[in-house]
Amino acid sequence: MSLLTNFRRWRRKASKELAEFRLFLIDFVFFVFNYVQKLCYESTLPVTKKLFSRKPRPPKVQVKDVRCKRIRLQIDSTYASPFNVEDFEVEWRPAEQDPPADWTSVGRSDLTARTVARLQQDTAYEFRVRAWNQLGCSGWTMPIPSRTKIDPTIHDGGGYGPGGPDKSYAWSQTATEVCVSFKLPPGAAKRDIALTLKPDRLGVSYKGEALLEGELYGSVRSWENGSFWELTKEKGHTLLAVTLEKQVKSLAPKFDFWRSLVTGHPEIDTHQIVSDANQQSTRMLDPGQLDPVQLQNMGLGHLSGMGGMGGMGGGARPSWD
């Protein structure tokens, strides 16, 4: 009986090792095939490049990463021939200028990810790319528009609304609160101002004219639980300052600091925000140290073990004695 049991165990072990050996052989054959294919391609490239290359076509270009002082482009060749070996030339210029500005070249390279640096914050730019090979160059792509983000280091961690701080609003943030300010005419009174606050929305109007209305980037507490607003007289205008306390403290600047006050408004480059007041280097975060709301804001909701977050009650309009 024991002999039969040992034989079956040996047969199972042999079958398993045989299956693993077959997989190894398959991987080895694929490796050899790919290596020979690459070797043949590289060894014959000087000849095939001359015989079978075609004049390049304009490549496909996408804006992949936007910061406050640089923009990264992803370039994909539309090969006119599989034997084409191409370089790419990138040019850029400021947009929205009359007459249009001259194009500035950043040179040619075979890299498909190109970064244009030393740009101005919150400025519109245009980019164009063309492909080169030994037979010449393609035509330029259509201008690709993009706009750099706002630099939060000069706006206390925040930025401003459409048109700039004088035409709309300015805002700043810390890890625990967001402050938005509006410049009103001299003599503005509290009775002229109406505010509505919900956990995810803010509405501000002056004498019936809407100054701000939209969905907030994050959730905030109600007037009764920490948020407040006040009017102060300053030289040449009256300042309306609305301070909103965040529902969840922001811990990681690149992830859960607010990128804009209202969804769809100009965004800031959160990579420029220092991790804490002491300017210490940002530490790695353990998802177990964060609550579900923080994980949701950081795009890591799948680590919270919870589904969608439930709705929260609305805020109330403030009253004045």
Protein backbone atom coordinates (compact mmCIF):
# COMPACT_ATOMS: atom_id res chain seq x y z
CA MET A 1 0.00 0.00 0.00
CA SER A 2 2.79 2.40 0.92
CA LEU A 3 4.57 1.52 -2.34
CA LEU A 4 1.49 2.52 -4.35
CA THR A 5 1.17 5.75 -2.41
CA ASN A 6 4.82 6.64 -3.05
CA PHE A 7 4.41 5.88 -6.74
CA ARG A 8 1.42 8.20 -7.05
CA ARG A 9 3.28 10.96 -5.20
CA TRP A 10 6.29 10.52 -7.50
CA ARG A 11 4.05 10.59 -10.57
CA ARG A 12 2.36 13.84 -9.48
CA LYS A 13 5.76 15.40 -8.80
CA ALA A 14 7.09 14.26 -12.18
CA SER A 15 4.00 15.62 -13.98
CA LYS A 16 4.40 18.98 -12.27
CA GLU A 17 8.10 19.21 -13.14
CA LEU A 18 7.37 18.20 -16.75
CA ALA A 19 4.75 20.95 -17.03
CA GLU A 20 7.20 23.49 -15.66
CA PHE A 21 9.87 22.30 -18.11
CA ARG A 22 7.43 22.71 -21.02
CA LEU A 23 6.69 26.29 -19.94
CA PHE A 24 10.44 26.93 -19.70
CA LEU A 25 10.93 25.62 -23.24
CA ILE A 26 8.13 27.84 -24.57
CA ASP A 27 9.63 30.92 -22.85
CA PHE A 28 13.08 30.03 -24.18
CA VAL A 29 11.81 29.65 -27.75
CA PHE A 30 10.06 33.03 -27.58
CA PHE A 31 13.19 34.63 -26.12
CA VAL A 32 15.39 33.22 -28.88
CA PHE A 33 12.89 34.25 -31.55
CA ASN A 34 12.68 37.84 -30.27
CA TYR A 35 16.45 38.05 -29.89
CA VAL A 36 17.07 36.80 -33.43
CA GLN A 37 14.39 39.12 -34.79
CA LYS A 38 15.94 42.13 -33.03
CA LEU A 39 19.45 41.09 -34.13
CA CYS A 40 18.37 40.75 -37.75
CA TYR A 41 16.57 44.10 -37.64
CA GLU A 42 19.54 45.96 -36.16
CA SER A 43 22.12 44.29 -38.42
CA THR A 44 20.13 45.00 -41.60
CA LEU A 45 18.95 48.44 -40.53
CA PRO A 46 21.64 50.41 -42.42
CA VAL A 47 20.48 48.72 -45.64
CA THR A 48 16.71 48.60 -45.06
CA LYS A 49 16.74 52.20 -43.87
CA LYS A 50 18.09 53.29 -47.25
CA LEU A 51 15.96 50.97 -49.37
CA PHE A 52 12.59 50.96 -47.62
CA SER A 53 12.37 54.23 -45.68
CA ARG A 54 9.69 56.73 -46.65
CA LYS A 55 9.37 60.44 -46.05
CA PRO A 56 7.84 60.82 -42.58
CA ARG A 57 4.32 61.95 -41.82
CA PRO A 58 3.33 64.43 -39.10
CA PRO A 59 3.33 62.59 -35.75
CA LYS A 60 0.54 62.35 -33.18
CA VAL A 61 1.06 64.60 -30.16
CA GLN A 62 -0.67 64.67 -26.77
CA VAL A 63 -0.19 66.89 -23.73
CA LYS A 64 0.58 64.43 -20.91
CA ASP A 65 1.69 66.45 -17.89
CA VAL A 66 1.11 70.13 -17.07
CA ARG A 67 2.91 71.97 -14.26
CA CYS A 68 3.28 75.66 -13.43
CA LYS A 69 6.59 76.04 -15.29
CA ARG A 70 6.76 73.09 -17.69
CA ILE A 71 4.62 70.98 -20.01
CA ARG A 72 5.39 67.43 -21.16
CA LEU A 73 4.38 66.17 -24.60
CA GLN A 74 3.94 62.56 -25.70
CA ILE A 75 4.89 62.05 -29.37
CA ASP A 76 3.86 58.97 -31.35
CA SER A 77 5.15 58.46 -34.88
CA THR A 78 2.69 57.69 -37.67
CA TYR A 79 5.25 55.56 -39.49
CA ALA A 80 5.03 55.89 -43.26
CA SER A 81 7.19 52.75 -43.32
CA PRO A 82 8.05 50.20 -40.59
CA PHE A 83 11.71 50.78 -41.50
CA ASN A 84 11.60 54.51 -40.75
CA VAL A 85 13.95 55.80 -38.05
CA GLU A 86 12.74 59.24 -37.03
CA ASP A 87 13.67 62.20 -34.87
CA PHE A 88 11.19 64.79 -33.68
CA GLU A 89 11.54 68.56 -33.63
CA VAL A 90 9.42 70.51 -31.14
CA GLU A 91 8.59 74.21 -31.25
CA TRP A 92 6.52 76.35 -28.90
CA ARG A 93 5.24 79.89 -28.56
CA PRO A 94 2.98 81.92 -26.24
CA ALA A 95 -0.62 81.88 -27.42
CA GLU A 96 -3.27 84.60 -27.38
CA GLN A 97 -0.90 87.26 -28.69
CA ASP A 98 -1.58 89.71 -31.51
CA PRO A 99 0.41 89.61 -33.69
CA PRO A 100 1.34 85.93 -33.04
CA ALA A 101 4.72 85.39 -31.38
CA ASP A 102 7.60 83.67 -33.18
CA TRP A 103 8.08 79.94 -32.69
CA THR A 104 10.94 78.80 -30.44
CA SER A 105 12.62 75.45 -31.13
CA VAL A 106 13.73 73.05 -28.40
CA GLY A 107 15.74 70.98 -30.89
CA ARG A 108 15.51 67.52 -32.44
CA SER A 109 15.62 64.23 -30.56
CA ASP A 110 14.49 60.63 -30.97
CA LEU A 111 12.83 60.78 -27.55
CA THR A 112 9.04 60.43 -27.67
CA ALA A 113 8.49 62.19 -24.33
CA ARG A 114 9.60 65.83 -24.59
CA THR A 115 9.40 68.43 -21.84
CA VAL A 116 9.29 72.16 -22.53
CA ALA A 117 10.55 73.94 -19.39
CA ARG A 118 11.13 77.48 -18.11
CA LEU A 119 7.59 78.56 -18.93
CA GLN A 120 5.53 81.23 -17.16
CA GLN A 121 2.83 80.21 -14.71
CA ASP A 122 -0.84 80.46 -15.79
CA THR A 123 0.05 81.24 -19.41
CA ALA A 124 -1.40 79.81 -22.62
CA TYR A 125 1.05 78.18 -25.05
CA GLU A 126 0.97 76.42 -28.40
CA PHE A 127 3.18 73.54 -29.50
CA ARG A 128 3.90 71.93 -32.85
CA VAL A 129 6.00 68.93 -33.85
CA ARG A 130 7.40 67.48 -37.05
CA ALA A 131 9.26 64.26 -37.81
CA TRP A 132 12.67 63.95 -39.50
CA ASN A 133 14.57 61.12 -41.16
CA GLN A 134 17.25 60.84 -43.83
CA LEU A 135 14.69 61.61 -46.57
CA GLY A 136 13.61 64.90 -45.08
CA CYS A 137 10.93 66.16 -42.72
CA SER A 138 7.18 65.96 -42.46
CA GLY A 139 4.86 68.91 -42.23
CA TRP A 140 4.15 70.50 -38.86
CA THR A 141 1.29 69.21 -36.78
CA MET A 142 -1.60 71.55 -36.06
CA PRO A 143 -0.78 73.78 -33.06
CA ILE A 144 -1.55 71.95 -29.80
CA PRO A 145 -2.85 74.36 -27.14
CA SER A 146 -2.15 74.04 -23.43
CA ARG A 147 -1.93 76.28 -20.39
CA THR A 148 0.45 76.11 -17.46
CA LYS A 149 -0.99 75.87 -13.97
CA ILE A 150 -0.88 78.52 -11.27
CA ASP A 151 2.15 78.58 -8.97
CA PRO A 152 0.73 78.21 -5.44
CA THR A 153 3.97 79.31 -3.76
CA ILE A 154 3.11 82.94 -4.59
CA HIS A 155 -0.54 82.63 -3.53
CA ASP A 156 -0.25 81.03 -0.07
CA GLY A 157 -0.96 77.55 -1.37
CA GLY A 158 -3.85 78.62 -3.59
CA GLY A 159 -4.58 80.69 -6.68
CA TYR A 160 -7.43 82.67 -8.21
CA GLY A 161 -10.54 82.34 -10.29
CA PRO A 162 -11.12 82.91 -14.02
CA GLY A 163 -9.72 86.24 -15.18
CA GLY A 164 -7.45 86.75 -12.18
CA PRO A 165 -7.94 87.86 -8.57
CA ASP A 166 -9.19 91.34 -9.46
CA LYS A 167 -11.92 90.11 -11.83
CA SER A 168 -13.11 87.13 -9.79
CA TYR A 169 -11.58 85.97 -6.50
CA ALA A 170 -8.36 84.89 -4.83
CA TRP A 171 -7.98 81.84 -2.61
CA SER A 172 -5.38 80.24 -0.36
CA GLN A 173 -5.20 77.04 1.65
CA THR A 174 -3.49 75.27 4.51
CA ALA A 175 -3.75 71.64 5.51
CA THR A 176 -6.96 72.36 7.46
CA GLU A 177 -8.75 75.28 5.79
CA VAL A 178 -9.39 77.21 2.60
CA CYS A 179 -9.81 80.99 2.46
CA VAL A 180 -11.42 82.78 -0.50
CA SER A 181 -11.54 86.57 -0.78
CA PHE A 182 -13.48 89.00 -2.96
CA LYS A 183 -12.81 92.70 -3.53
CA LEU A 184 -16.07 94.65 -3.18
CA PRO A 185 -16.76 98.37 -3.70
CA PRO A 186 -16.14 100.72 -0.76
CA GLY A 187 -19.12 100.90 1.54
CA ALA A 188 -20.29 97.32 0.95
CA ALA A 189 -22.39 96.11 3.87
CA LYS A 190 -23.30 92.73 5.28
CA ARG A 191 -26.91 93.11 4.19
CA ASP A 192 -25.76 93.27 0.55
CA ILE A 193 -24.11 89.85 0.77
CA ALA A 194 -25.77 86.44 0.51
CA LEU A 195 -23.90 83.18 1.00
CA THR A 196 -25.01 79.58 0.70
CA LEU A 197 -22.78 76.78 1.90
CA LYS A 198 -23.18 73.03 1.51
CA PRO A 199 -20.53 70.38 2.14
CA ASP A 200 -19.57 70.41 -1.55
CA ARG A 201 -20.92 73.73 -2.90
CA LEU A 202 -20.44 77.45 -2.29
CA GLY A 203 -22.52 80.36 -3.53
CA VAL A 204 -21.60 84.03 -3.03
CA SER A 205 -23.57 87.02 -4.34
CA TYR A 206 -23.40 90.78 -3.88
CA LYS A 207 -26.57 92.84 -4.33
CA GLY A 208 -28.12 89.95 -6.24
CA GLU A 209 -25.15 89.51 -8.59
CA ALA A 210 -23.45 86.12 -8.34
CA LEU A 211 -19.74 86.37 -7.54
CA LEU A 212 -19.21 82.64 -7.23
CA GLU A 213 -21.39 79.56 -7.64
CA GLY A 214 -20.12 76.05 -8.11
CA GLU A 215 -19.00 72.69 -6.78
CA LEU A 216 -16.07 72.86 -4.38
CA TYR A 217 -12.97 70.75 -5.04
CA GLY A 218 -13.34 69.10 -1.62
CA SER A 219 -15.80 68.85 1.25
CA VAL A 220 -16.04 71.51 3.97
CA ARG A 221 -17.73 71.97 7.32
CA SER A 222 -20.84 74.10 7.86
CA TRP A 223 -20.97 77.58 9.37
CA GLU A 224 -21.82 76.08 12.75
CA ASN A 225 -18.84 73.70 12.67
CA GLY A 226 -15.91 75.95 11.87
CA SER A 227 -16.49 77.86 8.61
CA PHE A 228 -17.12 81.61 8.77
CA TRP A 229 -16.95 84.84 6.77
CA GLU A 230 -16.22 88.49 7.52
CA LEU A 231 -16.02 91.94 5.94
CA THR A 232 -13.05 94.25 6.42
CA LYS A 233 -12.49 97.77 5.11
CA GLU A 234 -9.28 98.27 3.17
CA LYS A 235 -7.85 101.13 1.15
CA GLY A 236 -9.97 101.60 -1.97
CA HIS A 237 -12.25 98.58 -1.43
CA THR A 238 -14.01 96.29 1.01
CA LEU A 239 -12.68 92.76 1.40
CA LEU A 240 -15.03 89.82 1.82
CA ALA A 241 -13.12 86.85 3.26
CA VAL A 242 -14.76 83.42 3.48
CA THR A 243 -12.88 80.80 5.51
CA LEU A 244 -13.90 77.18 4.93
CA GLU A 245 -12.73 74.42 7.22
CA LYS A 246 -11.88 71.22 5.38
CA GLN A 247 -13.79 68.09 6.31
CA VAL A 248 -10.55 66.12 6.11
CA LYS A 249 -7.06 67.45 6.81
CA SER A 250 -4.78 67.43 3.78
CA LEU A 251 -1.65 65.36 4.35
CA ALA A 252 -0.01 64.80 0.95
CA PRO A 253 0.37 67.92 -1.22
CA LYS A 254 0.58 66.02 -4.51
CA PHE A 255 -2.60 64.06 -3.80
CA ASP A 256 -5.17 65.59 -1.47
CA PHE A 257 -4.42 69.33 -1.38
CA TRP A 258 -7.05 71.23 -3.37
CA ARG A 259 -6.06 71.86 -6.99
CA SER A 260 -8.73 74.52 -7.46
CA LEU A 261 -11.39 76.19 -5.34
CA VAL A 262 -14.24 75.24 -7.67
CA THR A 263 -14.26 72.36 -10.12
CA GLY A 264 -13.47 73.61 -13.62
CA HIS A 265 -11.69 76.79 -12.50
CA PRO A 266 -7.94 77.41 -13.00
CA GLU A 267 -5.83 74.75 -11.25
CA ILE A 268 -2.68 75.12 -9.20
CA ASP A 269 0.45 72.97 -9.38
CA THR A 270 0.21 71.05 -6.09
CA HIS A 271 3.72 69.62 -6.66
CA GLN A 272 5.04 73.02 -5.54
CA ILE A 273 3.39 72.88 -2.11
CA VAL A 274 5.70 72.00 0.77
CA SER A 275 4.56 69.00 2.80
CA ASP A 276 4.38 70.81 6.16
CA ALA A 277 5.10 74.10 7.89
CA ASN A 278 8.60 73.01 8.82
CA GLN A 279 9.43 72.28 5.17
CA GLN A 280 10.45 68.74 5.98
CA SER A 281 10.67 66.22 3.19
CA THR A 282 7.44 64.41 2.39
CA ARG A 283 7.34 60.97 3.99
CA MET A 284 5.79 57.84 2.53
CA LEU A 285 2.19 57.42 3.66
CA ASP A 286 0.75 54.16 4.93
CA PRO A 287 -2.86 53.82 3.66
CA GLY A 288 -3.74 52.30 7.03
CA GLN A 289 -2.99 55.67 8.68
CA LEU A 290 -5.62 57.49 6.58
CA ASP A 291 -9.39 57.49 6.94
CA PRO A 292 -11.69 56.55 4.00
CA VAL A 293 -12.35 60.18 3.00
CA GLN A 294 -8.62 60.91 2.65
CA LEU A 295 -8.15 57.76 0.59
CA GLN A 296 -11.04 58.79 -1.67
CA ASN A 297 -9.53 62.28 -2.18
CA MET A 298 -6.15 60.73 -3.03
CA GLY A 299 -7.68 58.37 -5.59
CA LEU A 300 -7.00 55.38 -3.35
CA GLY A 301 -10.58 54.59 -2.39
CA HIS A 302 -10.09 50.92 -3.24
CA LEU A 303 -7.76 50.64 -0.24
CA SER A 304 -10.36 51.87 2.23
CA GLY A 305 -12.49 48.73 2.05
CA MET A 306 -15.57 50.92 1.68
CA GLY A 307 -17.85 51.83 -1.17
CA GLY A 308 -18.95 55.32 -2.10
CA MET A 309 -19.19 57.81 0.72
CA GLY A 310 -22.64 58.77 1.85
CA GLY A 311 -24.00 62.27 1.47
CA MET A 312 -23.66 64.82 4.25
CA GLY A 313 -26.12 67.36 5.46
CA GLY A 314 -26.27 70.87 4.01
CA GLY A 315 -25.04 74.03 5.64
CA ALA A 316 -27.10 77.05 6.60
CA ARG A 317 -26.94 80.67 5.63
CA PRO A 318 -25.27 82.74 8.38
CA SER A 319 -27.25 85.18 10.42
CA TRP A 320 -26.04 88.43 11.94
CA ASP A 321 -27.10 89.96 15.23
